[in-house]
Amino acid sequence: MEISGEAALPVAPGRVRSALRDPALLARLVDAPALTPFGPGRWRGTVVVGAPPLAQRHAVLLRLAGADDDLAFELVEEGRSDGLSIAGRCRLEEVRRGATRLRYDVRARLGGVAGLLGGGAIRRLLDDFFTTLAKELSG
């Protein structure tokens, strides 16, 4: 599944880039109790996908690359080829002083029980991610 969209963020692009490299914030954004760094721009953790009773825990690897206004990201289920996989790019654009438009293009796949939920689960993950990011940055 491919999904494109955008999010309005109430801070400058530099602050968005810094926030997306903060492991504590990233853990909150991907609904993980914690993320453990294991290299530059790389973290391990466990995420929960779906709502009870269909919620599933996934051991994942998160990777971010890029230093400018084009940031690549990948969240994949560790050790499984049929599980959770989200990869894409986001571009940051300052729309006015202190405000950023983040545009994203994502390729996503959910396996297992969560995969039965289809695109709605992936769309909700992305919406939750960017809603939480905007709240964190504005607070």
C-alpha atoms as a PDB file:
ATOM      1  CA  MET A   1       0.000   0.000   0.000  1.00  0.00           C
ATOM      2  CA  GLU A   2       1.212   3.494  -0.814  1.00  0.00           C
ATOM      3  CA  ILE A   3       0.080   6.540   1.131  1.00  0.00           C
ATOM      4  CA  SER A   4       0.965  10.206   0.651  1.00  0.00           C
ATOM      5  CA  GLY A   5      -0.010  13.104   2.828  1.00  0.00           C
ATOM      6  CA  GLU A   6       1.144  16.140   4.711  1.00  0.00           C
ATOM      7  CA  ALA A   7       1.122  17.566   8.198  1.00  0.00           C
ATOM      8  CA  ALA A   8       1.319  21.158   9.412  1.00  0.00           C
ATOM      9  CA  LEU A   9       3.763  21.623  12.299  1.00  0.00           C
ATOM     10  CA  PRO A  10       3.993  24.780  14.431  1.00  0.00           C
ATOM     11  CA  VAL A  11       7.819  25.020  14.468  1.00  0.00           C
ATOM     12  CA  ALA A  12      10.723  25.622  12.077  1.00  0.00           C
ATOM     13  CA  PRO A  13      12.111  22.673  10.038  1.00  0.00           C
ATOM     14  CA  GLY A  14      15.312  22.518  12.114  1.00  0.00           C
ATOM     15  CA  ARG A  15      13.311  21.839  15.263  1.00  0.00           C
ATOM     16  CA  VAL A  16      11.326  19.105  13.470  1.00  0.00           C
ATOM     17  CA  ARG A  17      14.573  17.412  12.345  1.00  0.00           C
ATOM     18  CA  SER A  18      15.953  17.539  15.888  1.00  0.00           C
ATOM     19  CA  ALA A  19      12.713  16.177  17.357  1.00  0.00           C
ATOM     20  CA  LEU A  20      12.697  13.237  14.937  1.00  0.00           C
ATOM     21  CA  ARG A  21      16.112  12.192  16.275  1.00  0.00           C
ATOM     22  CA  ASP A  22      15.077  12.233  19.942  1.00  0.00           C
ATOM     23  CA  PRO A  23      14.671   8.564  21.051  1.00  0.00           C
ATOM     24  CA  ALA A  24      12.200   9.393  23.847  1.00  0.00           C
ATOM     25  CA  LEU A  25       9.970  11.354  21.467  1.00  0.00           C
ATOM     26  CA  LEU A  26      10.271   8.728  18.729  1.00  0.00           C
ATOM     27  CA  ALA A  27       9.164   6.059  21.220  1.00  0.00           C
ATOM     28  CA  ARG A  28       6.022   8.084  21.990  1.00  0.00           C
ATOM     29  CA  LEU A  29       5.375   8.699  18.289  1.00  0.00           C
ATOM     30  CA  VAL A  30       5.506   5.005  17.331  1.00  0.00           C
ATOM     31  CA  ASP A  31       3.729   3.836  20.520  1.00  0.00           C
ATOM     32  CA  ALA A  32       6.766   1.996  21.880  1.00  0.00           C
ATOM     33  CA  PRO A  33       7.564   1.779  25.609  1.00  0.00           C
ATOM     34  CA  ALA A  34      11.187   2.630  24.754  1.00  0.00           C
ATOM     35  CA  LEU A  35      13.644   2.642  21.872  1.00  0.00           C
ATOM     36  CA  THR A  36      17.240   1.539  22.271  1.00  0.00           C
ATOM     37  CA  PRO A  37      19.842   3.125  19.969  1.00  0.00           C
ATOM     38  CA  PHE A  38      22.199   0.751  18.160  1.00  0.00           C
ATOM     39  CA  GLY A  39      23.960   3.062  15.716  1.00  0.00           C
ATOM     40  CA  PRO A  40      23.589   6.499  14.128  1.00  0.00           C
ATOM     41  CA  GLY A  41      19.928   7.036  13.272  1.00  0.00           C
ATOM     42  CA  ARG A  42      18.979   3.466  14.288  1.00  0.00           C
ATOM     43  CA  TRP A  43      16.832   2.193  17.171  1.00  0.00           C
ATOM     44  CA  ARG A  44      15.279  -1.074  18.356  1.00  0.00           C
ATOM     45  CA  GLY A  45      12.027  -1.404  20.255  1.00  0.00           C
ATOM     46  CA  THR A  46       8.575  -2.917  20.455  1.00  0.00           C
ATOM     47  CA  VAL A  47       5.488  -1.240  19.011  1.00  0.00           C
ATOM     48  CA  VAL A  48       1.821  -2.043  19.516  1.00  0.00           C
ATOM     49  CA  VAL A  49      -0.393  -2.015  16.426  1.00  0.00           C
ATOM     50  CA  GLY A  50      -4.172  -2.088  16.575  1.00  0.00           C
ATOM     51  CA  ALA A  51      -6.682  -1.850  19.362  1.00  0.00           C
ATOM     52  CA  PRO A  52      -7.738  -4.636  21.710  1.00  0.00           C
ATOM     53  CA  PRO A  53      -8.620  -7.393  21.146  1.00  0.00           C
ATOM     54  CA  LEU A  54      -6.652  -7.376  17.870  1.00  0.00           C
ATOM     55  CA  ALA A  55      -3.636  -5.427  19.174  1.00  0.00           C
ATOM     56  CA  GLN A  56      -0.290  -6.992  18.309  1.00  0.00           C
ATOM     57  CA  ARG A  57       3.213  -6.297  19.625  1.00  0.00           C
ATOM     58  CA  HIS A  58       5.987  -6.102  17.042  1.00  0.00           C
ATOM     59  CA  ALA A  59       9.739  -6.120  17.747  1.00  0.00           C
ATOM     60  CA  VAL A  60      10.953  -3.468  15.303  1.00  0.00           C
ATOM     61  CA  LEU A  61      13.977  -1.671  13.918  1.00  0.00           C
ATOM     62  CA  LEU A  62      13.634   2.053  13.187  1.00  0.00           C
ATOM     63  CA  ARG A  63      16.072   3.815  10.880  1.00  0.00           C
ATOM     64  CA  LEU A  64      16.253   7.495   9.920  1.00  0.00           C
ATOM     65  CA  ALA A  65      18.647   8.947   7.364  1.00  0.00           C
ATOM     66  CA  GLY A  66      19.144  12.394   5.882  1.00  0.00           C
ATOM     67  CA  ALA A  67      20.217  15.653   7.436  1.00  0.00           C
ATOM     68  CA  ASP A  68      18.499  18.258   5.322  1.00  0.00           C
ATOM     69  CA  ASP A  69      14.877  18.762   4.365  1.00  0.00           C
ATOM     70  CA  ASP A  70      14.546  15.275   2.847  1.00  0.00           C
ATOM     71  CA  LEU A  71      14.441  12.559   5.509  1.00  0.00           C
ATOM     72  CA  ALA A  72      14.207   8.821   4.748  1.00  0.00           C
ATOM     73  CA  PHE A  73      12.682   6.514   7.323  1.00  0.00           C
ATOM     74  CA  GLU A  74      12.062   2.814   7.742  1.00  0.00           C
ATOM     75  CA  LEU A  75      10.237   0.864  10.458  1.00  0.00           C
ATOM     76  CA  VAL A  76      10.418  -2.888   9.951  1.00  0.00           C
ATOM     77  CA  GLU A  77       9.549  -5.879  12.066  1.00  0.00           C
ATOM     78  CA  GLU A  78      12.770  -7.462  13.239  1.00  0.00           C
ATOM     79  CA  GLY A  79      13.434 -10.919  11.827  1.00  0.00           C
ATOM     80  CA  ARG A  80      10.182 -11.230   9.836  1.00  0.00           C
ATOM     81  CA  SER A  81       9.542 -10.655   6.177  1.00  0.00           C
ATOM     82  CA  ASP A  82       5.738 -10.948   6.465  1.00  0.00           C
ATOM     83  CA  GLY A  83       5.226  -8.552   9.367  1.00  0.00           C
ATOM     84  CA  LEU A  84       5.123  -4.811   9.825  1.00  0.00           C
ATOM     85  CA  SER A  85       6.977  -2.753   7.222  1.00  0.00           C
ATOM     86  CA  ILE A  86       6.736   1.019   6.770  1.00  0.00           C
ATOM     87  CA  ALA A  87       9.259   2.889   4.630  1.00  0.00           C
ATOM     88  CA  GLY A  88       9.228   6.272   2.995  1.00  0.00           C
ATOM     89  CA  ARG A  89      10.463   9.814   2.801  1.00  0.00           C
ATOM     90  CA  CYS A  90       9.341  13.068   4.285  1.00  0.00           C
ATOM     91  CA  ARG A  91      10.195  16.505   3.035  1.00  0.00           C
ATOM     92  CA  LEU A  92      10.190  19.524   5.298  1.00  0.00           C
ATOM     93  CA  GLU A  93       9.286  22.942   3.939  1.00  0.00           C
ATOM     94  CA  GLU A  94       9.132  26.167   5.902  1.00  0.00           C
ATOM     95  CA  VAL A  95       5.799  27.723   4.933  1.00  0.00           C
ATOM     96  CA  ARG A  96       6.257  30.837   7.056  1.00  0.00           C
ATOM     97  CA  ARG A  97       8.616  31.818   9.827  1.00  0.00           C
ATOM     98  CA  GLY A  98       8.309  29.183  12.541  1.00  0.00           C
ATOM     99  CA  ALA A  99       5.928  26.865  10.679  1.00  0.00           C
ATOM    100  CA  THR A 100       6.700  23.709   8.688  1.00  0.00           C
ATOM    101  CA  ARG A 101       4.821  21.617   6.161  1.00  0.00           C
ATOM    102  CA  LEU A 102       5.912  17.989   6.302  1.00  0.00           C
ATOM    103  CA  ARG A 103       4.974  16.004   3.180  1.00  0.00           C
ATOM    104  CA  TYR A 104       5.355  12.239   3.218  1.00  0.00           C
ATOM    105  CA  ASP A 105       5.247   9.318   0.814  1.00  0.00           C
ATOM    106  CA  VAL A 106       5.014   5.911   2.473  1.00  0.00           C
ATOM    107  CA  ARG A 107       5.056   2.286   1.364  1.00  0.00           C
ATOM    108  CA  ALA A 108       3.504   0.161   4.080  1.00  0.00           C
ATOM    109  CA  ARG A 109       2.566  -3.418   4.848  1.00  0.00           C
ATOM    110  CA  LEU A 110       1.073  -5.069   7.920  1.00  0.00           C
ATOM    111  CA  GLY A 111       1.158  -8.835   8.285  1.00  0.00           C
ATOM    112  CA  GLY A 112      -0.560 -11.160  10.709  1.00  0.00           C
ATOM    113  CA  VAL A 113      -3.808 -10.301  12.458  1.00  0.00           C
ATOM    114  CA  ALA A 114      -3.169  -6.548  12.159  1.00  0.00           C
ATOM    115  CA  GLY A 115      -2.888  -7.030   8.388  1.00  0.00           C
ATOM    116  CA  LEU A 116      -6.544  -8.037   8.342  1.00  0.00           C
ATOM    117  CA  LEU A 117      -7.375  -4.467   9.321  1.00  0.00           C
ATOM    118  CA  GLY A 118      -5.931  -3.330   5.989  1.00  0.00           C
ATOM    119  CA  GLY A 119      -5.093   0.222   5.045  1.00  0.00           C
ATOM    120  CA  GLY A 120      -7.123   1.707   7.861  1.00  0.00           C
ATOM    121  CA  ALA A 121      -4.562   0.514  10.416  1.00  0.00           C
ATOM    122  CA  ILE A 122      -1.654   2.020   8.479  1.00  0.00           C
ATOM    123  CA  ARG A 123      -3.502   5.299   7.902  1.00  0.00           C
ATOM    124  CA  ARG A 124      -4.344   5.478  11.628  1.00  0.00           C
ATOM    125  CA  LEU A 125      -0.689   4.831  12.548  1.00  0.00           C
ATOM    126  CA  LEU A 126       0.410   7.710  10.310  1.00  0.00           C
ATOM    127  CA  ASP A 127      -2.340  10.051  11.528  1.00  0.00           C
ATOM    128  CA  ASP A 128      -1.501   9.269  15.170  1.00  0.00           C
ATOM    129  CA  PHE A 129       2.225   9.772  14.489  1.00  0.00           C
ATOM    130  CA  PHE A 130       1.800  13.245  12.987  1.00  0.00           C
ATOM    131  CA  THR A 131      -0.916  14.357  15.428  1.00  0.00           C
ATOM    132  CA  THR A 132       1.308  13.397  18.359  1.00  0.00           C
ATOM    133  CA  LEU A 133       4.338  15.072  16.739  1.00  0.00           C
ATOM    134  CA  ALA A 134       2.396  18.338  16.290  1.00  0.00           C
ATOM    135  CA  LYS A 135       1.199  18.232  19.917  1.00  0.00           C
ATOM    136  CA  GLU A 136       4.702  17.499  21.232  1.00  0.00           C
ATOM    137  CA  LEU A 137       6.247  20.328  19.221  1.00  0.00           C
ATOM    138  CA  SER A 138       3.602  22.902  20.131  1.00  0.00           C
ATOM    139  CA  GLY A 139       3.747  22.161  23.873  1.00  0.00           C
END
